[in-house]
Amino acid sequence: MYTINKGILIILACFIEFTMCQQFKQQNFGYFNRMNNAIKLTENAHKRSPNGVTDFRRLFGITTTDDVVNRAEELLSSGILDNPLFEVSSLCLNHTKLLIKALTQRETWAVKMIDSTGKPGSDILEGNFRFVGNWEECRGVHAVENDTNMITNPYTGKYCTGYIPIDAAQRVYAQIGICFPDSCNDADASALLNTLLSTFSLIGGCQCKENSLEYTDKAVVVFVVCGIFGAIIFLATAYDVVVQHYLSKKPTGYKPILENGQHYGSVSQKVNDSILTTSADIKETRFDQRTKTQNQEPVYTYYTPSILGKLLLSFSVYTNAAKILNTNQPAATLTSVNGIRFISMTWVILGHTYYFGLGQVENTATLLPNLFSRFTFQAISNATVAVDTFFVLSGLLVSYLSLREMERRGSALKFNWIMFYFHRFWRLTPPYMLFLMVYVPTFKYWGDGPFWPQQGVETKECENTWWTNILYVNNFVKTEQMCMGWSWYLANDMQFYILSPMLLIPLYYGNQDGNFSDIYIKPYTRVAPYVVGFYTGYLLYKTKNNVKIPKVVNILGWAVATTFAMLSLYGVYSSDTGTKHLNEDVSAFYYATFRTAWGLAIAWVIFACATGYGGPVNSLLSWKGIIPLSRLTYCAYLVHPIAMYLYYQSRRSLMHWYDLEIIYLFFGNLCVSYAAAFVVSLAFESPMMGLEKVLLKRSKNS
């Protein structure tokens, strides 16, 4: 097989590392499809003959430093770099020659460039064509050139990734990390790689990581805006702590205390025929003394901030953190919703732990078949119903709270429909857009590594699609370029909310024949759980959460709900492949009903808990410790994919997944996501809610 100069092959082969991960990059389908896709890729890799793998081992195998030196000498004597087959810039070519010459002299920096290159290892027969090399070692190389007794450092190492087609028809690729001189660009690196591959009638390519990135104008603007926000938050917090809580409490005198413990100014004590109810009242009476005497206590006045002061206090970390961490809730609150919301968000993070991490896993060929064969894994492969739970909760709360407000006002016509829409838009959009503004232009500066996307995660930094997000039509328009792909849920939820009066008004006036035909249309394929939640909220409103359920009916309700939930998650399980191969009719029935069935199960849990028939389930879901975590769910949904991107794509090596590894990853992702959500809520969400309250004088529960 080897008819070309062996030295050329081996020296250039030191710049190559295998993988097939390009297939995964920036795809927008769900994690269930992504896992199936990974299985297909690894099956295709298995079709490669052992002889072919042996050829690659022979081609890229270097065992000792002597091998490197000998083959470098062969490469220099061959003259191949004097007339490369593909065009290479003169500077890159000269620096490559310097590298090879330094190898013949056993110079440490040159050997490090070869040492940092990825090399074949284990599991090749299992489809592991992914060898990353050493990112830090490559980037830490400083070439040394001794010219006329003057030592210079002409270049440093640059980490590049070379792609080689193993089976182009089956979309199986090999990839190897290569340490090039930093004077080489993508075209230069590809030319050197293709010099090798041309011998095998193959054409590959290289993609290099720049050692540093210049800040774009967008990024600079974002940093300035974040600096302004930070300054406002700092000033607001200082104002809150120093002025509002420390300096505002001023003594203005003393008031007598009666023998029975009552104060003058209590309801039962009158002075000059007037009831004293406040410190201001006391200040104007004869009991306002500047010197304390026996049986008296001090009277204080408190500073009341102006409108500007209240606006500034909306950004105070001191006040907003206390609100987030507060575990008190108003009467008639559906407390079980807090637990369901947090558990659902936890479930989403668990599913995404698998989804976002698969691109950096080396043992997918053995891992995925094992996972899909497990009965318990169905709860993860079908984790999409966690989002349907959010739709149930959203529909329930819109219905329950809006109908109560209509009843309080006495008519649907007196309901403030402008505020109904404005509050929803203001509640969701500012933190959503501010986070998008921070994340999209700056994410590429947050980390580095062999897997790091230096062009950013989002297509063209969302410059053509950001407006679809702010209008909540990104599930309609330019879906193939969707910015923040997980934001499809927000678009659906907002669209359901906009259409909700079509059900609210008929339900309020007693007509339960809502126009569903206008709702069950493309693309609202997730509307069924929302409507289930909507009608559950209506039932709770009509019954005032006061229903007598016979014990037998209660047991039957829990049994049916459990059955629906189990069928939704595990109904298509098969021990051999993980999923049963259903005929067309049964498959159509299952996929048309399982989300509705899941929504009904969740609706029963909420209804039973709200009416006093939840038992220990209600005690768990209504635990006060969950309330702050529940408040952070929206921000956690926004930030959790970014937390995972940051970790997975900044890794220096591939992961070898097993159960304990994934458990640790999941809890790490969960904690980091909620910690980041707390920061985002303090910076963007809570201030916007405070501004609305001050400017529109909107009470918390209105």
Foldseek 3Di string as FASTA:
>chain_A
DDPDQLLLQAQLLLFWFWDLLVVPAQDQDALLVVLVVLQLQLVVLLPDDPVVVVVNCVRHPDDDLVSLLVSLVSVVVVCCLVPPPDDADPVQSVVVNLLSVVSNVVDPLSVLQSQQKFGDDPCSSSVQLGTQGFPVSLQPRFDWDQDPNDIDGPFGWWKKKKWWDPDVVSSTIIIIIGIGTLVGAFRNSQSSVVSNVVVVVTHITMHIDHPDDDADPLQVVLVVVVVVLVVLQVVLQCCCVPQQPPVFKDWQAKFAADPVRHTQQPPPHDDPNDRRPALVSVCPDPRGHHDDDPRIDTHIGGDDDDLVSLLSNLLYPVVLVCVLQDLDDDPLDLLLVLLLLLVLLLLVLLLVLSRLQPSQARNSSPPSQVLLLDLVSLCNSLSVLSLLLVLLQLLLCLQQQQLVVCVVQPHPVSRPVVCLLVVVLLQAQFLLVSVLSNCQSCVLVLFDAPLRDNVGSADVSCPPPPVCLSVLNCVPPPVVRRDLSLCVSVSLSSVCSVCCVQQNRCLSVPNRPGDCVVVPDPPNLSCLLNVLSNVLSSVCNVCVLADDDDPVRLVVLLVQLVVLQCCLRRVQQDNNRSGHDDDPVVVVVNVSPSSNSNSSSSSSCSSCLSNPNNPVSNVVSSPSSSSSVSVLSSLLSSCLVSVSCSPSSNDHHGDHDDDVVSVVSSVVSVVVSSVVSSVSCSSTNSSSVSVCCSVVVDDPSD
